[in-house]
PDB file of all heavy atoms in Angstrom:
ATOM      1  N   LEU A   1      13.093  -5.474-322.097  1.00  0.00           N
ATOM      2  CA  LEU A   1      11.932  -5.857-322.895  1.00  0.00           C
ATOM      3  C   LEU A   1      11.194  -4.595-323.303  1.00  0.00           C
ATOM      4  O   LEU A   1      10.923  -3.734-322.473  1.00  0.00           O
ATOM      5  CB  LEU A   1      11.004  -6.768-322.088  1.00  0.00           C
ATOM      6  CG  LEU A   1      11.628  -8.074-321.587  1.00  0.00           C
ATOM      7  CD1 LEU A   1      10.650  -8.794-320.674  1.00  0.00           C
ATOM      8  CD2 LEU A   1      12.030  -8.949-322.740  1.00  0.00           C
ATOM      9  N   ASP A   2      10.865  -4.488-324.558  1.00  0.00           N
ATOM     10  CA  ASP A   2      10.164  -3.312-325.059  1.00  0.00           C
ATOM     11  C   ASP A   2       8.698  -3.668-325.297  1.00  0.00           C
ATOM     12  O   ASP A   2       8.365  -4.346-326.257  1.00  0.00           O
ATOM     13  CB  ASP A   2      10.805  -2.822-326.347  1.00  0.00           C
ATOM     14  CG  ASP A   2      10.144  -1.566-326.891  1.00  0.00           C
ATOM     15  OD1 ASP A   2       9.272  -0.994-326.205  1.00  0.00           O
ATOM     16  OD2 ASP A   2      10.504  -1.155-328.003  1.00  0.00           O
ATOM     17  N   PHE A   3       7.850  -3.211-324.400  1.00  0.00           N
ATOM     18  CA  PHE A   3       6.416  -3.455-324.528  1.00  0.00           C
ATOM     19  C   PHE A   3       5.686  -2.227-325.067  1.00  0.00           C
ATOM     20  O   PHE A   3       4.477  -2.123-324.966  1.00  0.00           O
ATOM     21  CB  PHE A   3       5.811  -3.834-323.169  1.00  0.00           C
ATOM     22  CG  PHE A   3       6.291  -5.159-322.659  1.00  0.00           C
ATOM     23  CD1 PHE A   3       7.125  -5.237-321.561  1.00  0.00           C
ATOM     24  CD2 PHE A   3       5.916  -6.330-323.281  1.00  0.00           C
ATOM     25  CE1 PHE A   3       7.564  -6.451-321.079  1.00  0.00           C
ATOM     26  CE2 PHE A   3       6.350  -7.561-322.818  1.00  0.00           C
ATOM     27  CZ  PHE A   3       7.180  -7.621-321.716  1.00  0.00           C
ATOM     28  N   SER A   4       6.402  -1.296-325.649  1.00  0.00           N
ATOM     29  CA  SER A   4       5.803  -0.029-326.050  1.00  0.00           C
ATOM     30  C   SER A   4       4.662  -0.189-327.049  1.00  0.00           C
ATOM     31  O   SER A   4       3.725   0.582-327.038  1.00  0.00           O
ATOM     32  CB  SER A   4       6.865   0.910-326.619  1.00  0.00           C
ATOM     33  OG  SER A   4       7.463   0.347-327.767  1.00  0.00           O
ATOM     34  N   LYS A   5       4.733  -1.167-327.922  1.00  0.00           N
ATOM     35  CA  LYS A   5       3.666  -1.367-328.903  1.00  0.00           C
ATOM     36  C   LYS A   5       2.803  -2.584-328.590  1.00  0.00           C
ATOM     37  O   LYS A   5       1.902  -2.924-329.347  1.00  0.00           O
ATOM     38  CB  LYS A   5       4.265  -1.523-330.307  1.00  0.00           C
ATOM     39  CG  LYS A   5       4.994  -0.291-330.795  1.00  0.00           C
ATOM     40  CD  LYS A   5       4.033   0.839-331.009  1.00  0.00           C
ATOM     41  CE  LYS A   5       4.758   2.061-331.543  1.00  0.00           C
ATOM     42  NZ  LYS A   5       3.882   3.196-331.666  1.00  0.00           N
ATOM     43  N   ALA A   6       3.071  -3.246-327.482  1.00  0.00           N
ATOM     44  CA  ALA A   6       2.332  -4.460-327.139  1.00  0.00           C
ATOM     45  C   ALA A   6       0.838  -4.186-327.005  1.00  0.00           C
ATOM     46  O   ALA A   6       0.011  -4.986-327.440  1.00  0.00           O
ATOM     47  CB  ALA A   6       2.875  -5.075-325.859  1.00  0.00           C
ATOM     48  N   PHE A   7       0.481  -3.064-326.432  1.00  0.00           N
ATOM     49  CA  PHE A   7      -0.934  -2.756-326.227  1.00  0.00           C
ATOM     50  C   PHE A   7      -1.617  -2.351-327.531  1.00  0.00           C
ATOM     51  O   PHE A   7      -2.821  -2.375-327.629  1.00  0.00           O
ATOM     52  CB  PHE A   7      -1.098  -1.666-325.170  1.00  0.00           C
ATOM     53  CG  PHE A   7      -0.788  -2.148-323.783  1.00  0.00           C
ATOM     54  CD1 PHE A   7       0.506  -2.081-323.274  1.00  0.00           C
ATOM     55  CD2 PHE A   7      -1.773  -2.690-322.986  1.00  0.00           C
ATOM     56  CE1 PHE A   7       0.788  -2.531-322.000  1.00  0.00           C
ATOM     57  CE2 PHE A   7      -1.499  -3.156-321.711  1.00  0.00           C
ATOM     58  CZ  PHE A   7      -0.204  -3.079-321.224  1.00  0.00           C
ATOM     59  N   ASP A   8      -0.831  -1.986-328.547  1.00  0.00           N
ATOM     60  CA  ASP A   8      -1.400  -1.650-329.854  1.00  0.00           C
ATOM     61  C   ASP A   8      -1.719  -2.892-330.672  1.00  0.00           C
ATOM     62  O   ASP A   8      -2.484  -2.822-331.616  1.00  0.00           O
ATOM     63  CB  ASP A   8      -0.415  -0.801-330.665  1.00  0.00           C
ATOM     64  CG  ASP A   8      -0.206   0.580-330.073  1.00  0.00           C
ATOM     65  OD1 ASP A   8      -1.067   1.012-329.282  1.00  0.00           O
ATOM     66  OD2 ASP A   8       0.812   1.206-330.402  1.00  0.00           O
ATOM     67  N   LYS A   9      -1.112  -4.027-330.327  1.00  0.00           N
ATOM     68  CA  LYS A   9      -1.189  -5.195-331.193  1.00  0.00           C
ATOM     69  C   LYS A   9      -1.873  -6.410-330.590  1.00  0.00           C
ATOM     70  O   LYS A   9      -2.091  -7.383-331.287  1.00  0.00           O
ATOM     71  CB  LYS A   9       0.231  -5.586-331.618  1.00  0.00           C
ATOM     72  CG  LYS A   9       0.883  -4.486-332.428  1.00  0.00           C
ATOM     73  CD  LYS A   9       2.273  -4.834-332.832  1.00  0.00           C
ATOM     74  CE  LYS A   9       2.832  -3.667-333.630  1.00  0.00           C
ATOM     75  NZ  LYS A   9       4.179  -3.779-334.004  1.00  0.00           N
ATOM     76  N   VAL A  10      -2.188  -6.404-329.319  1.00  0.00           N
ATOM     77  CA  VAL A  10      -2.766  -7.588-328.695  1.00  0.00           C
ATOM     78  C   VAL A  10      -4.160  -7.867-329.276  1.00  0.00           C
ATOM     79  O   VAL A  10      -5.022  -6.994-329.289  1.00  0.00           O
ATOM     80  CB  VAL A  10      -2.824  -7.449-327.153  1.00  0.00           C
ATOM     81  CG1 VAL A  10      -3.709  -6.303-326.717  1.00  0.00           C
ATOM     82  CG2 VAL A  10      -3.290  -8.730-326.518  1.00  0.00           C
ATOM     83  N   PRO A  11      -4.369  -9.079-329.813  1.00  0.00           N
ATOM     84  CA  PRO A  11      -5.694  -9.427-330.343  1.00  0.00           C
ATOM     85  C   PRO A  11      -6.728  -9.466-329.206  1.00  0.00           C
ATOM     86  O   PRO A  11      -6.449  -9.976-328.125  1.00  0.00           O
ATOM     87  CB  PRO A  11      -5.500 -10.822-330.935  1.00  0.00           C
ATOM     88  CG  PRO A  11      -4.025 -10.962-331.143  1.00  0.00           C
ATOM     89  CD  PRO A  11      -3.388 -10.139-330.061  1.00  0.00           C
ATOM     90  N   HIS A  12      -7.901  -8.939-329.453  1.00  0.00           N
ATOM     91  CA  HIS A  12      -8.936  -8.879-328.426  1.00  0.00           C
ATOM     92  C   HIS A  12      -9.268 -10.261-327.874  1.00  0.00           C
ATOM     93  O   HIS A  12      -9.410 -10.432-326.664  1.00  0.00           O
ATOM     94  CB  HIS A  12     -10.203  -8.230-328.978  1.00  0.00           C
ATOM     95  CG  HIS A  12     -10.025  -6.780-329.279  1.00  0.00           C
ATOM     96  ND1 HIS A  12     -10.971  -6.064-329.977  1.00  0.00           N
ATOM     97  CD2 HIS A  12      -9.041  -5.900-328.983  1.00  0.00           C
ATOM     98  CE1 HIS A  12     -10.563  -4.806-330.104  1.00  0.00           C
ATOM     99  NE2 HIS A  12      -9.387  -4.696-329.515  1.00  0.00           N
ATOM    100  N   GLN A  13      -9.390 -11.259-328.750  1.00  0.00           N
ATOM    101  CA  GLN A  13      -9.754 -12.601-328.281  1.00  0.00           C
ATOM    102  C   GLN A  13      -8.678 -13.187-327.374  1.00  0.00           C
ATOM    103  O   GLN A  13      -8.984 -13.833-326.377  1.00  0.00           O
ATOM    104  CB  GLN A  13     -10.028 -13.529-329.467  1.00  0.00           C
ATOM    105  CG  GLN A  13     -11.289 -13.172-330.225  1.00  0.00           C
ATOM    106  CD  GLN A  13     -12.516 -13.135-329.330  1.00  0.00           C
ATOM    107  OE1 GLN A  13     -12.717 -13.984-328.471  1.00  0.00           O
ATOM    108  NE2 GLN A  13     -13.358 -12.128-329.508  1.00  0.00           N
ATOM    109  N   ARG A  14      -7.415 -12.954-327.700  1.00  0.00           N
ATOM    110  CA  ARG A  14      -6.330 -13.460-326.852  1.00  0.00           C
ATOM    111  C   ARG A  14      -6.332 -12.742-325.503  1.00  0.00           C
ATOM    112  O   ARG A  14      -6.136 -13.361-324.457  1.00  0.00           O
ATOM    113  CB  ARG A  14      -4.982 -13.278-327.532  1.00  0.00           C
ATOM    114  CG  ARG A  14      -3.847 -13.870-326.694  1.00  0.00           C
ATOM    115  CD  ARG A  14      -2.522 -13.824-327.391  1.00  0.00           C
ATOM    116  NE  ARG A  14      -2.573 -14.678-328.568  1.00  0.00           N
ATOM    117  CZ  ARG A  14      -1.787 -14.523-329.633  1.00  0.00           C
ATOM    118  NH1 ARG A  14      -0.894 -13.567-329.671  1.00  0.00           N
ATOM    119  NH2 ARG A  14      -1.878 -15.333-330.655  1.00  0.00           N
ATOM    120  N   LEU A  15      -6.572 -11.443-325.512  1.00  0.00           N
ATOM    121  CA  LEU A  15      -6.638 -10.691-324.262  1.00  0.00           C
ATOM    122  C   LEU A  15      -7.766 -11.203-323.381  1.00  0.00           C
ATOM    123  O   LEU A  15      -7.574 -11.434-322.177  1.00  0.00           O
ATOM    124  CB  LEU A  15      -6.844  -9.200-324.555  1.00  0.00           C
ATOM    125  CG  LEU A  15      -7.039  -8.297-323.353  1.00  0.00           C
ATOM    126  CD1 LEU A  15      -5.804  -8.304-322.453  1.00  0.00           C
ATOM    127  CD2 LEU A  15      -7.364  -6.880-323.801  1.00  0.00           C
ATOM    128  N   LEU A  16      -8.922 -11.436-323.965  1.00  0.00           N
ATOM    129  CA  LEU A  16     -10.059 -11.939-323.194  1.00  0.00           C
ATOM    130  C   LEU A  16      -9.787 -13.340-322.643  1.00  0.00           C
ATOM    131  O   LEU A  16     -10.167 -13.642-321.511  1.00  0.00           O
ATOM    132  CB  LEU A  16     -11.322 -11.928-324.053  1.00  0.00           C
ATOM    133  CG  LEU A  16     -11.824 -10.534-324.434  1.00  0.00           C
ATOM    134  CD1 LEU A  16     -12.908 -10.630-325.499  1.00  0.00           C
ATOM    135  CD2 LEU A  16     -12.310  -9.773-323.220  1.00  0.00           C
ATOM    136  N   LEU A  17      -9.110 -14.164-323.418  1.00  0.00           N
ATOM    137  CA  LEU A  17      -8.748 -15.500-322.945  1.00  0.00           C
ATOM    138  C   LEU A  17      -7.801 -15.413-321.751  1.00  0.00           C
ATOM    139  O   LEU A  17      -7.987 -16.084-320.740  1.00  0.00           O
ATOM    140  CB  LEU A  17      -8.101 -16.310-324.072  1.00  0.00           C
ATOM    141  CG  LEU A  17      -7.689 -17.731-323.728  1.00  0.00           C
ATOM    142  CD1 LEU A  17      -8.921 -18.579-323.409  1.00  0.00           C
ATOM    143  CD2 LEU A  17      -6.908 -18.340-324.871  1.00  0.00           C
ATOM    144  N   LYS A  18      -6.792 -14.546-321.843  1.00  0.00           N
ATOM    145  CA  LYS A  18      -5.832 -14.381-320.743  1.00  0.00           C
ATOM    146  C   LYS A  18      -6.530 -13.840-319.495  1.00  0.00           C
ATOM    147  O   LYS A  18      -6.266 -14.297-318.386  1.00  0.00           O
ATOM    148  CB  LYS A  18      -4.700 -13.431-321.143  1.00  0.00           C
ATOM    149  CG  LYS A  18      -3.822 -13.955-322.233  1.00  0.00           C
ATOM    150  CD  LYS A  18      -2.947 -15.062-321.732  1.00  0.00           C
ATOM    151  CE  LYS A  18      -1.968 -15.489-322.815  1.00  0.00           C
ATOM    152  NZ  LYS A  18      -1.085 -16.546-322.371  1.00  0.00           N
ATOM    153  N   VAL A  19      -7.424 -12.886-319.668  1.00  0.00           N
ATOM    154  CA  VAL A  19      -8.153 -12.313-318.529  1.00  0.00           C
ATOM    155  C   VAL A  19      -9.026 -13.379-317.886  1.00  0.00           C
ATOM    156  O   VAL A  19      -9.102 -13.478-316.656  1.00  0.00           O
ATOM    157  CB  VAL A  19      -8.989 -11.090-318.962  1.00  0.00           C
ATOM    158  CG1 VAL A  19      -9.935 -10.651-317.863  1.00  0.00           C
ATOM    159  CG2 VAL A  19      -8.076  -9.941-319.360  1.00  0.00           C
ATOM    160  N   SER A  20      -9.652 -14.225-318.692  1.00  0.00           N
ATOM    161  CA  SER A  20     -10.528 -15.268-318.135  1.00  0.00           C
ATOM    162  C   SER A  20      -9.734 -16.294-317.335  1.00  0.00           C
ATOM    163  O   SER A  20     -10.259 -16.897-316.408  1.00  0.00           O
ATOM    164  CB  SER A  20     -11.327 -15.955-319.230  1.00  0.00           C
ATOM    165  OG  SER A  20     -10.491 -16.751-320.040  1.00  0.00           O
ATOM    166  N   HIS A  21      -8.463 -16.498-317.676  1.00  0.00           N
ATOM    167  CA  HIS A  21      -7.617 -17.448-316.937  1.00  0.00           C
ATOM    168  C   HIS A  21      -7.078 -16.854-315.632  1.00  0.00           C
ATOM    169  O   HIS A  21      -6.436 -17.562-314.860  1.00  0.00           O
ATOM    170  CB  HIS A  21      -6.449 -17.924-317.793  1.00  0.00           C
ATOM    171  CG  HIS A  21      -6.856 -18.865-318.872  1.00  0.00           C
ATOM    172  ND1 HIS A  21      -7.553 -20.031-318.630  1.00  0.00           N
ATOM    173  CD2 HIS A  21      -6.686 -18.812-320.223  1.00  0.00           C
ATOM    174  CE1 HIS A  21      -7.782 -20.656-319.775  1.00  0.00           C
ATOM    175  NE2 HIS A  21      -7.272 -19.941-320.753  1.00  0.00           N
ATOM    176  N   CYS A  22      -7.299 -15.588-315.392  1.00  0.00           N
ATOM    177  CA  CYS A  22      -6.827 -14.929-314.162  1.00  0.00           C
ATOM    178  C   CYS A  22      -7.927 -14.867-313.111  1.00  0.00           C
ATOM    179  O   CYS A  22      -7.975 -13.947-312.306  1.00  0.00           O
ATOM    180  CB  CYS A  22      -6.337 -13.522-314.479  1.00  0.00           C
ATOM    181  SG  CYS A  22      -4.890 -13.483-315.520  1.00  0.00           S
ATOM    182  N   ASP A  23      -8.840 -15.816-313.157  1.00  0.00           N
ATOM    183  CA  ASP A  23      -9.975 -15.839-312.227  1.00  0.00           C
ATOM    184  C   ASP A  23     -10.783 -14.547-312.284  1.00  0.00           C
ATOM    185  O   ASP A  23     -11.345 -14.109-311.289  1.00  0.00           O
ATOM    186  CB  ASP A  23      -9.507 -16.122-310.793  1.00  0.00           C
ATOM    187  CG  ASP A  23      -8.986 -17.535-310.629  1.00  0.00           C
ATOM    188  OD1 ASP A  23      -9.463 -18.420-311.376  1.00  0.00           O
ATOM    189  OD2 ASP A  23      -8.109 -17.754-309.779  1.00  0.00           O
ATOM    190  N   THR A  24     -10.794 -13.933-313.445  1.00  0.00           N
ATOM    191  CA  THR A  24     -11.607 -12.742-313.656  1.00  0.00           C
ATOM    192  C   THR A  24     -12.799 -13.176-314.488  1.00  0.00           C
ATOM    193  O   THR A  24     -12.678 -13.380-315.682  1.00  0.00           O
ATOM    194  CB  THR A  24     -10.815 -11.658-314.404  1.00  0.00           C
ATOM    195  OG1 THR A  24      -9.622 -11.400-313.684  1.00  0.00           O
ATOM    196  CG2 THR A  24     -11.610 -10.391-314.518  1.00  0.00           C
ATOM    197  N   ALA A  25     -13.898 -13.348-313.845  1.00  0.00           N
ATOM    198  CA  ALA A  25     -15.085 -13.823-314.554  1.00  0.00           C
ATOM    199  C   ALA A  25     -16.263 -12.926-314.212  1.00  0.00           C
ATOM    200  O   ALA A  25     -16.142 -11.977-313.461  1.00  0.00           O
ATOM    201  CB  ALA A  25     -15.370 -15.267-314.169  1.00  0.00           C
ATOM    202  N   GLY A  26     -17.372 -13.269-314.774  1.00  0.00           N
ATOM    203  CA  GLY A  26     -18.600 -12.552-314.451  1.00  0.00           C
ATOM    204  C   GLY A  26     -18.595 -11.129-314.948  1.00  0.00           C
ATOM    205  O   GLY A  26     -18.314 -10.863-316.113  1.00  0.00           O
ATOM    206  N   THR A  27     -18.878 -10.217-314.072  1.00  0.00           N
ATOM    207  CA  THR A  27     -19.086  -8.818-314.418  1.00  0.00           C
ATOM    208  C   THR A  27     -17.852  -8.166-315.025  1.00  0.00           C
ATOM    209  O   THR A  27     -17.957  -7.438-316.008  1.00  0.00           O
ATOM    210  CB  THR A  27     -19.525  -8.020-313.174  1.00  0.00           C
ATOM    211  OG1 THR A  27     -20.680  -8.646-312.622  1.00  0.00           O
ATOM    212  CG2 THR A  27     -19.860  -6.595-313.528  1.00  0.00           C
ATOM    213  N   VAL A  28     -16.679  -8.431-314.458  1.00  0.00           N
ATOM    214  CA  VAL A  28     -15.457  -7.785-314.955  1.00  0.00           C
ATOM    215  C   VAL A  28     -15.139  -8.249-316.370  1.00  0.00           C
ATOM    216  O   VAL A  28     -14.853  -7.440-317.251  1.00  0.00           O
ATOM    217  CB  VAL A  28     -14.262  -8.049-314.012  1.00  0.00           C
ATOM    218  CG1 VAL A  28     -12.977  -7.513-314.608  1.00  0.00           C
ATOM    219  CG2 VAL A  28     -14.517  -7.444-312.651  1.00  0.00           C
ATOM    220  N   LEU A  29     -15.207  -9.555-316.612  1.00  0.00           N
ATOM    221  CA  LEU A  29     -14.932 -10.074-317.948  1.00  0.00           C
ATOM    222  C   LEU A  29     -15.968  -9.554-318.945  1.00  0.00           C
ATOM    223  O   LEU A  29     -15.619  -9.162-320.057  1.00  0.00           O
ATOM    224  CB  LEU A  29     -14.914 -11.604-317.937  1.00  0.00           C
ATOM    225  CG  LEU A  29     -14.526 -12.274-319.250  1.00  0.00           C
ATOM    226  CD1 LEU A  29     -13.141 -11.840-319.717  1.00  0.00           C
ATOM    227  CD2 LEU A  29     -14.579 -13.788-319.103  1.00  0.00           C
ATOM    228  N   ALA A  30     -17.214  -9.511-318.558  1.00  0.00           N
ATOM    229  CA  ALA A  30     -18.279  -8.988-319.431  1.00  0.00           C
ATOM    230  C   ALA A  30     -18.044  -7.518-319.743  1.00  0.00           C
ATOM    231  O   ALA A  30     -18.252  -7.069-320.873  1.00  0.00           O
ATOM    232  CB  ALA A  30     -19.642  -9.186-318.782  1.00  0.00           C
ATOM    233  N   TRP A  31     -17.576  -6.750-318.759  1.00  0.00           N
ATOM    234  CA  TRP A  31     -17.294  -5.322-318.972  1.00  0.00           C
ATOM    235  C   TRP A  31     -16.175  -5.161-319.995  1.00  0.00           C
ATOM    236  O   TRP A  31     -16.284  -4.328-320.905  1.00  0.00           O
ATOM    237  CB  TRP A  31     -16.905  -4.664-317.645  1.00  0.00           C
ATOM    238  CG  TRP A  31     -16.568  -3.224-317.815  1.00  0.00           C
ATOM    239  CD1 TRP A  31     -17.435  -2.184-317.870  1.00  0.00           C
ATOM    240  CD2 TRP A  31     -15.261  -2.657-317.970  1.00  0.00           C
ATOM    241  NE1 TRP A  31     -16.750  -1.010-318.058  1.00  0.00           N
ATOM    242  CE2 TRP A  31     -15.419  -1.272-318.118  1.00  0.00           C
ATOM    243  CE3 TRP A  31     -13.972  -3.189-318.003  1.00  0.00           C
ATOM    244  CZ2 TRP A  31     -14.342  -0.414-318.293  1.00  0.00           C
ATOM    245  CZ3 TRP A  31     -12.905  -2.336-318.177  1.00  0.00           C
ATOM    246  CH2 TRP A  31     -13.092  -0.968-318.315  1.00  0.00           C
ATOM    247  N   ILE A  32     -15.113  -5.946-319.875  1.00  0.00           N
ATOM    248  CA  ILE A  32     -13.996  -5.845-320.813  1.00  0.00           C
ATOM    249  C   ILE A  32     -14.443  -6.258-322.214  1.00  0.00           C
ATOM    250  O   ILE A  32     -14.099  -5.609-323.205  1.00  0.00           O
ATOM    251  CB  ILE A  32     -12.791  -6.680-320.327  1.00  0.00           C
ATOM    252  CG1 ILE A  32     -12.244  -6.086-319.027  1.00  0.00           C
ATOM    253  CG2 ILE A  32     -11.701  -6.736-321.395  1.00  0.00           C
ATOM    254  CD1 ILE A  32     -11.188  -6.929-318.344  1.00  0.00           C
ATOM    255  N   GLN A  33     -15.245  -7.329-322.304  1.00  0.00           N
ATOM    256  CA  GLN A  33     -15.773  -7.758-323.610  1.00  0.00           C
ATOM    257  C   GLN A  33     -16.594  -6.647-324.245  1.00  0.00           C
ATOM    258  O   GLN A  33     -16.433  -6.339-325.433  1.00  0.00           O
ATOM    259  CB  GLN A  33     -16.629  -9.009-323.458  1.00  0.00           C
ATOM    260  CG  GLN A  33     -15.833 -10.262-323.218  1.00  0.00           C
ATOM    261  CD  GLN A  33     -16.725 -11.463-322.947  1.00  0.00           C
ATOM    262  OE1 GLN A  33     -17.684 -11.370-322.189  1.00  0.00           O
ATOM    263  NE2 GLN A  33     -16.391 -12.589-323.550  1.00  0.00           N
ATOM    264  N   ASP A  34     -17.489  -6.044-323.482  1.00  0.00           N
ATOM    265  CA  ASP A  34     -18.324  -4.957-324.001  1.00  0.00           C
ATOM    266  C   ASP A  34     -17.480  -3.751-324.403  1.00  0.00           C
ATOM    267  O   ASP A  34     -17.768  -3.077-325.393  1.00  0.00           O
ATOM    268  CB  ASP A  34     -19.360  -4.524-322.967  1.00  0.00           C
ATOM    269  CG  ASP A  34     -20.472  -5.534-322.788  1.00  0.00           C
ATOM    270  OD1 ASP A  34     -20.623  -6.423-323.655  1.00  0.00           O
ATOM    271  OD2 ASP A  34     -21.181  -5.442-321.773  1.00  0.00           O
ATOM    272  N   PHE A  35     -16.434  -3.473-323.642  1.00  0.00           N
ATOM    273  CA  PHE A  35     -15.558  -2.342-323.905  1.00  0.00           C
ATOM    274  C   PHE A  35     -14.841  -2.507-325.249  1.00  0.00           C
ATOM    275  O   PHE A  35     -14.656  -1.543-325.990  1.00  0.00           O
ATOM    276  CB  PHE A  35     -14.541  -2.213-322.772  1.00  0.00           C
ATOM    277  CG  PHE A  35     -13.636  -1.021-322.879  1.00  0.00           C
ATOM    278  CD1 PHE A  35     -14.102   0.254-322.615  1.00  0.00           C
ATOM    279  CD2 PHE A  35     -12.305  -1.177-323.228  1.00  0.00           C
ATOM    280  CE1 PHE A  35     -13.275   1.352-322.712  1.00  0.00           C
ATOM    281  CE2 PHE A  35     -11.458  -0.090-323.317  1.00  0.00           C
ATOM    282  CZ  PHE A  35     -11.952   1.180-323.059  1.00  0.00           C
ATOM    283  N   LEU A  36     -14.441  -3.726-325.583  1.00  0.00           N
ATOM    284  CA  LEU A  36     -13.689  -3.981-326.809  1.00  0.00           C
ATOM    285  C   LEU A  36     -14.570  -4.311-328.007  1.00  0.00           C
ATOM    286  O   LEU A  36     -14.168  -4.109-329.153  1.00  0.00           O
ATOM    287  CB  LEU A  36     -12.702  -5.139-326.582  1.00  0.00           C
ATOM    288  CG  LEU A  36     -11.599  -4.888-325.561  1.00  0.00           C
ATOM    289  CD1 LEU A  36     -10.803  -6.163-325.331  1.00  0.00           C
ATOM    290  CD2 LEU A  36     -10.699  -3.753-325.995  1.00  0.00           C
ATOM    291  N   HIS A  37     -15.774  -4.808-327.768  1.00  0.00           N
ATOM    292  CA  HIS A  37     -16.660  -5.262-328.847  1.00  0.00           C
ATOM    293  C   HIS A  37     -17.196  -4.088-329.671  1.00  0.00           C
ATOM    294  O   HIS A  37     -17.588  -3.056-329.140  1.00  0.00           O
ATOM    295  CB  HIS A  37     -17.839  -6.050-328.263  1.00  0.00           C
ATOM    296  CG  HIS A  37     -18.784  -6.527-329.310  1.00  0.00           C
ATOM    297  ND1 HIS A  37     -18.492  -7.572-330.153  1.00  0.00           N
ATOM    298  CD2 HIS A  37     -20.011  -6.083-329.669  1.00  0.00           C
ATOM    299  CE1 HIS A  37     -19.493  -7.758-330.981  1.00  0.00           C
ATOM    300  NE2 HIS A  37     -20.427  -6.867-330.705  1.00  0.00           N
ATOM    301  N   GLY A  38     -17.192  -4.278-330.983  1.00  0.00           N
ATOM    302  CA  GLY A  38     -17.831  -3.315-331.876  1.00  0.00           C
ATOM    303  C   GLY A  38     -17.061  -2.032-332.109  1.00  0.00           C
ATOM    304  O   GLY A  38     -17.615  -1.070-332.629  1.00  0.00           O
ATOM    305  N   ARG A  39     -15.786  -1.985-331.758  1.00  0.00           N
ATOM    306  CA  ARG A  39     -14.987  -0.779-331.990  1.00  0.00           C
ATOM    307  C   ARG A  39     -14.651  -0.663-333.474  1.00  0.00           C
ATOM    308  O   ARG A  39     -14.333  -1.639-334.132  1.00  0.00           O
ATOM    309  CB  ARG A  39     -13.709  -0.805-331.165  1.00  0.00           C
ATOM    310  CG  ARG A  39     -13.993  -0.639-329.701  1.00  0.00           C
ATOM    311  CD  ARG A  39     -12.726  -0.306-328.939  1.00  0.00           C
ATOM    312  NE  ARG A  39     -13.071   0.146-327.608  1.00  0.00           N
ATOM    313  CZ  ARG A  39     -13.313   1.404-327.281  1.00  0.00           C
ATOM    314  NH1 ARG A  39     -13.213   2.352-328.167  1.00  0.00           N
ATOM    315  NH2 ARG A  39     -13.645   1.727-326.059  1.00  0.00           N
ATOM    316  N   THR A  40     -14.727   0.549-333.982  1.00  0.00           N
ATOM    317  CA  THR A  40     -14.389   0.810-335.375  1.00  0.00           C
ATOM    318  C   THR A  40     -13.456   2.018-335.440  1.00  0.00           C
ATOM    319  O   THR A  40     -13.344   2.791-334.484  1.00  0.00           O
ATOM    320  CB  THR A  40     -15.650   1.103-336.206  1.00  0.00           C
ATOM    321  OG1 THR A  40     -16.343   2.213-335.632  1.00  0.00           O
ATOM    322  CG2 THR A  40     -16.569  -0.103-336.271  1.00  0.00           C
ATOM    323  N   GLN A  41     -12.798   2.141-336.588  1.00  0.00           N
ATOM    324  CA  GLN A  41     -11.926   3.299-336.784  1.00  0.00           C
ATOM    325  C   GLN A  41     -11.851   3.628-338.261  1.00  0.00           C
ATOM    326  O   GLN A  41     -12.154   2.806-339.113  1.00  0.00           O
ATOM    327  CB  GLN A  41     -10.523   3.023-336.249  1.00  0.00           C
ATOM    328  CG  GLN A  41      -9.746   1.983-337.008  1.00  0.00           C
ATOM    329  CD  GLN A  41      -8.385   1.696-336.393  1.00  0.00           C
ATOM    330  OE1 GLN A  41      -8.147   1.961-335.225  1.00  0.00           O
ATOM    331  NE2 GLN A  41      -7.502   1.128-337.192  1.00  0.00           N
ATOM    332  N   LYS A  42     -11.452   4.855-338.540  1.00  0.00           N
ATOM    333  CA  LYS A  42     -11.178   5.271-339.910  1.00  0.00           C
ATOM    334  C   LYS A  42     -10.045   6.278-339.875  1.00  0.00           C
ATOM    335  O   LYS A  42      -9.717   6.825-338.817  1.00  0.00           O
ATOM    336  CB  LYS A  42     -12.415   5.862-340.589  1.00  0.00           C
ATOM    337  CG  LYS A  42     -12.869   7.205-340.046  1.00  0.00           C
ATOM    338  CD  LYS A  42     -14.050   7.715-340.842  1.00  0.00           C
ATOM    339  CE  LYS A  42     -14.548   9.033-340.289  1.00  0.00           C
ATOM    340  NZ  LYS A  42     -15.617   9.574-341.128  1.00  0.00           N
TER     341      LYS A  42
END
């Protein structure tokens, strides 16, 4: 299995949904949301 580009393409909302289903809630989930929210690039 080639996961080399998997981390480049995972949608933020899908990642957050998967993390929330792993009993990761509260502070950790909020930290990941804040980490991904509002990112920009050029």
